[in-house]
Amino acid sequence: MNSTASLRIRPHLGEDIAIGPGKIDLLEAIQRRGSISGTARELGMSYRRAWLLVETMNRSFREPLVISLVGGRHGGGARLSNTGEQVLRGTFLGRGTRCHRRRPAICPGRGSPAVHG
């Protein structure tokens, strides 16, 4: 009999989930698209839902993970902050399932200075 175990880390801040696999997907899509609306379309969710998830992440960390850009000649957009990029690069491996051994300082649950609480 083959069985596999999996672990999903979802640090909470009050009632909100600060980060988890779905929010990692959202950050990856924002990084690719440079737009919350484009990300919402890609992931099959409403713009409002994507925006609310971004707001939750931004409230949950000491520094925002996503920065909204003001519209201009080519419109607005969104990009990941340095902290947002660190979350993608260092906090989670692969699809957001394991903490990165070499960067424990930003792993949730290990006294992370990046996460409120």
C-alpha atoms as a PDB file:
ATOM      1  CA  MET A   1       0.000   0.000   0.000  1.00  0.00           C
ATOM      2  CA  ASN A   2       1.415   3.354  -1.022  1.00  0.00           C
ATOM      3  CA  SER A   3       0.509   6.363   1.003  1.00  0.00           C
ATOM      4  CA  THR A   4       1.827   9.871   0.894  1.00  0.00           C
ATOM      5  CA  ALA A   5       1.700  12.567   3.466  1.00  0.00           C
ATOM      6  CA  SER A   6       1.643  16.254   2.783  1.00  0.00           C
ATOM      7  CA  LEU A   7       1.965  19.316   4.915  1.00  0.00           C
ATOM      8  CA  ARG A   8       0.464  22.722   4.238  1.00  0.00           C
ATOM      9  CA  ILE A   9       1.691  25.631   6.290  1.00  0.00           C
ATOM     10  CA  ARG A  10      -0.870  28.401   6.708  1.00  0.00           C
ATOM     11  CA  PRO A  11       0.156  30.960   9.321  1.00  0.00           C
ATOM     12  CA  HIS A  12      -2.842  32.831  10.720  1.00  0.00           C
ATOM     13  CA  LEU A  13      -3.146  36.407  11.884  1.00  0.00           C
ATOM     14  CA  GLY A  14      -6.357  36.488  13.862  1.00  0.00           C
ATOM     15  CA  GLU A  15      -9.042  35.038  11.591  1.00  0.00           C
ATOM     16  CA  ASP A  16      -7.013  35.598   8.410  1.00  0.00           C
ATOM     17  CA  ILE A  17      -4.635  33.134   6.795  1.00  0.00           C
ATOM     18  CA  ALA A  18      -1.485  35.219   6.235  1.00  0.00           C
ATOM     19  CA  ILE A  19      -0.042  33.004   3.504  1.00  0.00           C
ATOM     20  CA  GLY A  20      -0.715  29.573   2.066  1.00  0.00           C
ATOM     21  CA  PRO A  21      -0.496  27.644  -1.199  1.00  0.00           C
ATOM     22  CA  GLY A  22      -3.332  29.590  -2.880  1.00  0.00           C
ATOM     23  CA  LYS A  23      -1.805  32.930  -1.949  1.00  0.00           C
ATOM     24  CA  ILE A  24       1.569  31.710  -3.220  1.00  0.00           C
ATOM     25  CA  ASP A  25      -0.190  30.983  -6.552  1.00  0.00           C
ATOM     26  CA  LEU A  26      -1.576  34.526  -6.468  1.00  0.00           C
ATOM     27  CA  LEU A  27       1.875  36.039  -5.839  1.00  0.00           C
ATOM     28  CA  GLU A  28       3.409  33.981  -8.642  1.00  0.00           C
ATOM     29  CA  ALA A  29       0.720  35.142 -11.052  1.00  0.00           C
ATOM     30  CA  ILE A  30       1.150  38.794 -10.020  1.00  0.00           C
ATOM     31  CA  GLN A  31       4.881  38.435 -10.619  1.00  0.00           C
ATOM     32  CA  ARG A  32       4.205  37.011 -14.113  1.00  0.00           C
ATOM     33  CA  ARG A  33       1.371  39.347 -15.099  1.00  0.00           C
ATOM     34  CA  GLY A  34       2.238  42.591 -13.334  1.00  0.00           C
ATOM     35  CA  SER A  35      -1.461  43.122 -12.765  1.00  0.00           C
ATOM     36  CA  ILE A  36      -4.057  42.126 -10.190  1.00  0.00           C
ATOM     37  CA  SER A  37      -6.838  42.095 -12.793  1.00  0.00           C
ATOM     38  CA  GLY A  38      -4.774  39.934 -15.173  1.00  0.00           C
ATOM     39  CA  THR A  39      -3.927  37.647 -12.293  1.00  0.00           C
ATOM     40  CA  ALA A  40      -7.600  37.328 -11.345  1.00  0.00           C
ATOM     41  CA  ARG A  41      -8.501  36.370 -14.929  1.00  0.00           C
ATOM     42  CA  GLU A  42      -5.651  33.840 -15.089  1.00  0.00           C
ATOM     43  CA  LEU A  43      -6.685  32.203 -11.818  1.00  0.00           C
ATOM     44  CA  GLY A  44     -10.417  32.289 -12.584  1.00  0.00           C
ATOM     45  CA  MET A  45     -11.445  34.589  -9.749  1.00  0.00           C
ATOM     46  CA  SER A  46     -13.014  38.015  -9.534  1.00  0.00           C
ATOM     47  CA  TYR A  47     -10.849  41.105  -9.314  1.00  0.00           C
ATOM     48  CA  ARG A  48     -12.427  41.845  -5.925  1.00  0.00           C
ATOM     49  CA  ARG A  49     -11.462  38.419  -4.563  1.00  0.00           C
ATOM     50  CA  ALA A  50      -7.867  38.803  -5.784  1.00  0.00           C
ATOM     51  CA  TRP A  51      -7.687  42.315  -4.313  1.00  0.00           C
ATOM     52  CA  LEU A  52      -9.028  41.133  -0.936  1.00  0.00           C
ATOM     53  CA  LEU A  53      -6.439  38.326  -0.821  1.00  0.00           C
ATOM     54  CA  VAL A  54      -3.669  40.829  -1.608  1.00  0.00           C
ATOM     55  CA  GLU A  55      -4.967  43.148   1.124  1.00  0.00           C
ATOM     56  CA  THR A  56      -4.982  40.287   3.637  1.00  0.00           C
ATOM     57  CA  MET A  57      -1.381  39.399   2.781  1.00  0.00           C
ATOM     58  CA  ASN A  58      -0.291  43.025   2.949  1.00  0.00           C
ATOM     59  CA  ARG A  59      -1.921  43.452   6.380  1.00  0.00           C
ATOM     60  CA  SER A  60      -0.419  40.217   7.674  1.00  0.00           C
ATOM     61  CA  PHE A  61       3.217  41.113   7.035  1.00  0.00           C
ATOM     62  CA  ARG A  62       5.161  44.049   8.417  1.00  0.00           C
ATOM     63  CA  GLU A  63       5.879  45.166   4.879  1.00  0.00           C
ATOM     64  CA  PRO A  64       3.443  44.754   1.977  1.00  0.00           C
ATOM     65  CA  LEU A  65       4.024  41.801  -0.337  1.00  0.00           C
ATOM     66  CA  VAL A  66       2.330  43.481  -3.305  1.00  0.00           C
ATOM     67  CA  ILE A  67       2.703  47.114  -4.363  1.00  0.00           C
ATOM     68  CA  SER A  68       0.001  48.707  -6.507  1.00  0.00           C
ATOM     69  CA  LEU A  69       1.254  51.041  -9.209  1.00  0.00           C
ATOM     70  CA  VAL A  70      -0.677  54.202 -10.035  1.00  0.00           C
ATOM     71  CA  GLY A  71      -2.076  54.392 -13.551  1.00  0.00           C
ATOM     72  CA  GLY A  72      -0.324  56.463 -16.114  1.00  0.00           C
ATOM     73  CA  ARG A  73       0.318  56.380 -19.824  1.00  0.00           C
ATOM     74  CA  HIS A  74       0.382  52.585 -19.867  1.00  0.00           C
ATOM     75  CA  GLY A  75      -2.036  52.070 -16.970  1.00  0.00           C
ATOM     76  CA  GLY A  76      -1.319  50.941 -13.445  1.00  0.00           C
ATOM     77  CA  GLY A  77      -0.387  47.493 -12.368  1.00  0.00           C
ATOM     78  CA  ALA A  78       1.070  45.643  -9.456  1.00  0.00           C
ATOM     79  CA  ARG A  79       4.425  44.199  -8.549  1.00  0.00           C
ATOM     80  CA  LEU A  80       5.903  42.211  -5.714  1.00  0.00           C
ATOM     81  CA  SER A  81       7.846  44.084  -3.070  1.00  0.00           C
ATOM     82  CA  ASN A  82      11.209  42.768  -1.901  1.00  0.00           C
ATOM     83  CA  THR A  83       9.387  41.020   0.939  1.00  0.00           C
ATOM     84  CA  GLY A  84       6.939  39.464  -1.537  1.00  0.00           C
ATOM     85  CA  GLU A  85       9.830  38.170  -3.610  1.00  0.00           C
ATOM     86  CA  GLN A  86      11.475  36.780  -0.454  1.00  0.00           C
ATOM     87  CA  VAL A  87       8.287  34.910   0.374  1.00  0.00           C
ATOM     88  CA  LEU A  88       8.326  33.305  -3.075  1.00  0.00           C
ATOM     89  CA  ARG A  89      12.080  32.608  -3.109  1.00  0.00           C
ATOM     90  CA  GLY A  90      12.851  31.741   0.446  1.00  0.00           C
ATOM     91  CA  THR A  91       9.924  30.977   2.680  1.00  0.00           C
ATOM     92  CA  PHE A  92       8.345  28.212   0.654  1.00  0.00           C
ATOM     93  CA  LEU A  93       9.800  25.640  -1.711  1.00  0.00           C
ATOM     94  CA  GLY A  94       7.940  24.480  -4.772  1.00  0.00           C
ATOM     95  CA  ARG A  95       4.222  25.034  -4.288  1.00  0.00           C
ATOM     96  CA  GLY A  96       4.431  26.550  -0.822  1.00  0.00           C
ATOM     97  CA  THR A  97       4.515  23.328   1.144  1.00  0.00           C
ATOM     98  CA  ARG A  98       7.816  23.418   3.037  1.00  0.00           C
ATOM     99  CA  CYS A  99       9.872  26.022   4.805  1.00  0.00           C
ATOM    100  CA  HIS A 100      13.255  26.735   3.264  1.00  0.00           C
ATOM    101  CA  ARG A 101      16.017  25.332   5.443  1.00  0.00           C
ATOM    102  CA  ARG A 102      18.578  27.957   4.464  1.00  0.00           C
ATOM    103  CA  ARG A 103      16.356  30.936   5.279  1.00  0.00           C
ATOM    104  CA  PRO A 104      14.704  30.086   8.598  1.00  0.00           C
ATOM    105  CA  ALA A 105      14.599  33.756   9.613  1.00  0.00           C
ATOM    106  CA  ILE A 106      11.647  34.373   7.309  1.00  0.00           C
ATOM    107  CA  CYS A 107       9.818  31.073   7.903  1.00  0.00           C
ATOM    108  CA  PRO A 108       6.475  31.514   9.618  1.00  0.00           C
ATOM    109  CA  GLY A 109       6.417  29.877  13.013  1.00  0.00           C
ATOM    110  CA  ARG A 110      10.118  30.425  13.621  1.00  0.00           C
ATOM    111  CA  GLY A 111      10.046  33.900  15.127  1.00  0.00           C
ATOM    112  CA  SER A 112       9.856  35.493  11.724  1.00  0.00           C
ATOM    113  CA  PRO A 113      10.391  39.238  11.696  1.00  0.00           C
ATOM    114  CA  ALA A 114       8.371  39.400   8.504  1.00  0.00           C
ATOM    115  CA  VAL A 115       5.043  38.156   9.852  1.00  0.00           C
ATOM    116  CA  HIS A 116       3.007  40.177  12.348  1.00  0.00           C
ATOM    117  CA  GLY A 117       1.968  38.480  15.544  1.00  0.00           C
END
